[in-house]
Structure formats: structure tokens, C-alpha cells
Amino acid sequence: MDRNIKSFVVKILITAVGIVVLASIVFIFLLPGAYLPVLPWMLAFFTIVTIASHAWQVILAKRELGIFTRSSMIISMLRLMLYSIFAIVYLAINQTNAAVFVVALVFIYSAYTILEVSDLARMVKRK
């Protein structure tokens, strides 16, 4: 496995653990009645999709920067569509605590996207 991908997997797993700790604090102390049973699954889904899309982008960046630039937007769009489908399906099935679900979704999406974009920018800058 590529060194950049291994490094990113470690970063994303550390971020996931941080999100679990933060979510535990929030749902135990601040919002005890609003726990989302889907939260562990959502976190796992976002982690897997983010690692896969990042690995794909790293491979493209190593080939040719022009291909990476064009493909990066397509990959981001596909990932966002996948996340949107996940949210729509969940909210169609279960509307209880919808506001908490949306806040958790936006938080996880933002954290993972910031981490991925900064890692890719650093890698492309070095190249």
C-alpha cells in the first residue's frame, strides 16, 4: 500500500475515534435522549467511502496532474451523491431526531472533507 494512503488511513481512523469520543460526551451528558442508533454505521460508512475515494485520488494524482484535476471533481460529486442518498434513505425511514441526524451528518462530512482536502493539497503541492 502507498505511504500516502497508509498515512491518510491512520489520520482518518484517529479522526473517527475523536468523533466517537465527542459523540459519546454529547449523547451522554448534553443530549441523553437524542442518541442516534445509526451513528456508528454512519461513521463506518463515511470512513470507508472517504478512504476509498482518497486512495482513488492518490492513484490518479501519481499518474498525471491533469487527470487528477478533472477526476477530483467527479469523485467529490459521486461521494456527495452517495452521502445524500444515505441521508435521504435514512430520513425517509426514520424521522425521529432528524435535526440531530443532520447535524451529525454535516459534522462528520465536514471533518472528513477538511482532512481529505488538506491531505490531497499537501500531496499535490509536494509533487
Protein backbone atom coordinates (compact mmCIF):
# COMPACT_ATOMS: atom_id res chain seq x y z
CA MET A 1 0.00 0.00 0.00
CA ASP A 2 1.20 3.50 -0.80
CA ARG A 3 2.73 5.55 2.03
CA ASN A 4 0.31 8.45 1.41
CA ILE A 5 -2.69 6.15 1.65
CA LYS A 6 -1.40 4.49 4.84
CA SER A 7 -0.81 7.87 6.43
CA PHE A 8 -4.31 9.01 5.48
CA VAL A 9 -5.91 5.83 6.86
CA VAL A 10 -4.20 6.46 10.21
CA LYS A 11 -5.38 10.10 10.20
CA ILE A 12 -8.95 9.18 9.31
CA LEU A 13 -9.09 6.46 11.98
CA ILE A 14 -7.78 8.90 14.61
CA THR A 15 -10.44 11.37 13.48
CA ALA A 16 -13.10 8.65 13.73
CA VAL A 17 -12.03 7.83 17.29
CA GLY A 18 -12.17 11.54 18.13
CA ILE A 19 -15.68 11.76 16.70
CA VAL A 20 -16.74 8.70 18.74
CA VAL A 21 -15.38 10.31 21.94
CA LEU A 22 -17.07 13.64 21.13
CA ALA A 23 -20.36 11.93 20.24
CA SER A 24 -20.22 9.91 23.47
CA ILE A 25 -19.78 13.07 25.51
CA VAL A 26 -22.59 14.86 23.65
CA PHE A 27 -25.07 11.99 23.82
CA ILE A 28 -24.30 11.04 27.43
CA PHE A 29 -24.12 14.48 29.01
CA LEU A 30 -25.77 17.04 26.72
CA LEU A 31 -28.44 15.18 24.73
CA PRO A 32 -29.08 11.87 26.50
CA GLY A 33 -32.44 11.24 24.82
CA ALA A 34 -31.29 12.05 21.31
CA TYR A 35 -28.81 9.22 20.65
CA LEU A 36 -28.82 8.01 17.05
CA PRO A 37 -28.52 4.23 16.72
CA VAL A 38 -27.35 4.76 13.13
CA LEU A 39 -24.36 6.87 14.21
CA PRO A 40 -21.79 4.02 14.36
CA TRP A 41 -22.94 2.79 10.95
CA MET A 42 -22.87 6.29 9.52
CA LEU A 43 -19.35 6.82 10.83
CA ALA A 44 -18.19 3.48 9.39
CA PHE A 45 -19.82 4.24 6.03
CA PHE A 46 -18.24 7.69 5.80
CA THR A 47 -14.86 6.30 6.84
CA ILE A 48 -14.89 3.56 4.21
CA VAL A 49 -16.12 5.84 1.42
CA THR A 50 -13.59 8.56 2.32
CA ILE A 51 -10.67 6.11 2.41
CA ALA A 52 -11.71 4.57 -0.92
CA SER A 53 -12.16 7.93 -2.66
CA HIS A 54 -8.89 9.24 -1.24
CA ALA A 55 -6.99 6.17 -2.40
CA TRP A 56 -8.50 6.58 -5.86
CA GLN A 57 -7.46 10.23 -5.95
CA VAL A 58 -3.92 9.44 -4.78
CA ILE A 59 -3.53 6.90 -7.56
CA LEU A 60 -4.80 9.43 -10.11
CA ALA A 61 -2.51 12.17 -8.76
CA LYS A 62 0.54 9.96 -9.16
CA ARG A 63 -0.25 9.30 -12.83
CA GLU A 64 -0.84 12.78 -14.18
CA LEU A 65 -1.89 16.01 -12.53
CA GLY A 66 -4.30 16.92 -15.36
CA ILE A 67 -6.22 13.67 -14.94
CA PHE A 68 -6.27 14.19 -11.17
CA THR A 69 -7.72 17.69 -11.52
CA ARG A 70 -10.56 16.59 -13.78
CA SER A 71 -11.30 13.41 -11.86
CA SER A 72 -11.19 15.02 -8.44
CA MET A 73 -14.38 16.98 -9.04
CA ILE A 74 -16.16 13.90 -10.39
CA ILE A 75 -15.07 11.82 -7.40
CA SER A 76 -16.23 14.53 -4.99
CA MET A 77 -19.59 14.75 -6.76
CA LEU A 78 -20.06 10.97 -6.64
CA ARG A 79 -19.16 10.89 -2.96
CA LEU A 80 -21.57 13.73 -2.19
CA MET A 81 -24.35 11.97 -4.12
CA LEU A 82 -23.68 8.76 -2.18
CA TYR A 83 -23.85 10.64 1.12
CA SER A 84 -27.05 12.39 0.02
CA ILE A 85 -28.68 9.08 -0.88
CA PHE A 86 -27.68 7.73 2.53
CA ALA A 87 -29.26 10.74 4.25
CA ILE A 88 -32.44 10.69 2.16
CA VAL A 89 -32.99 6.96 2.71
CA TYR A 90 -32.38 7.26 6.45
CA LEU A 91 -34.66 10.27 6.83
CA ALA A 92 -37.38 8.57 4.75
CA ILE A 93 -37.26 5.53 7.02
CA ASN A 94 -36.70 7.21 10.37
CA GLN A 95 -37.67 10.82 11.02
CA THR A 96 -37.16 10.81 14.76
CA ASN A 97 -34.28 13.07 15.78
CA ALA A 98 -33.93 14.28 12.18
CA ALA A 99 -32.25 17.51 13.29
CA VAL A 100 -29.67 15.60 15.34
CA PHE A 101 -29.05 13.29 12.39
CA VAL A 102 -28.49 16.20 10.01
CA VAL A 103 -26.11 17.94 12.44
CA ALA A 104 -24.13 14.71 12.92
CA LEU A 105 -24.03 14.12 9.17
CA VAL A 106 -22.78 17.64 8.44
CA PHE A 107 -20.19 17.42 11.21
CA ILE A 108 -18.78 14.09 10.01
CA TYR A 109 -18.86 15.19 6.37
CA SER A 110 -17.08 18.45 7.18
CA ALA A 111 -14.42 16.82 9.35
CA TYR A 112 -13.62 14.14 6.78
CA THR A 113 -13.70 16.54 3.82
CA ILE A 114 -11.35 19.02 5.51
CA LEU A 115 -8.97 16.20 6.38
CA GLU A 116 -9.06 14.76 2.86
CA VAL A 117 -8.69 18.06 1.01
CA SER A 118 -5.79 19.19 3.20
CA ASP A 119 -4.04 15.84 2.74
CA LEU A 120 -4.52 15.88 -1.04
CA ALA A 121 -3.41 19.51 -1.31
CA ARG A 122 -0.26 18.76 0.65
CA MET A 123 0.49 15.76 -1.54
CA VAL A 124 -0.11 17.60 -4.84
CA LYS A 125 1.96 20.58 -3.62
CA ARG A 126 4.93 18.28 -2.96
CA LYS A 127 4.60 16.80 -6.43
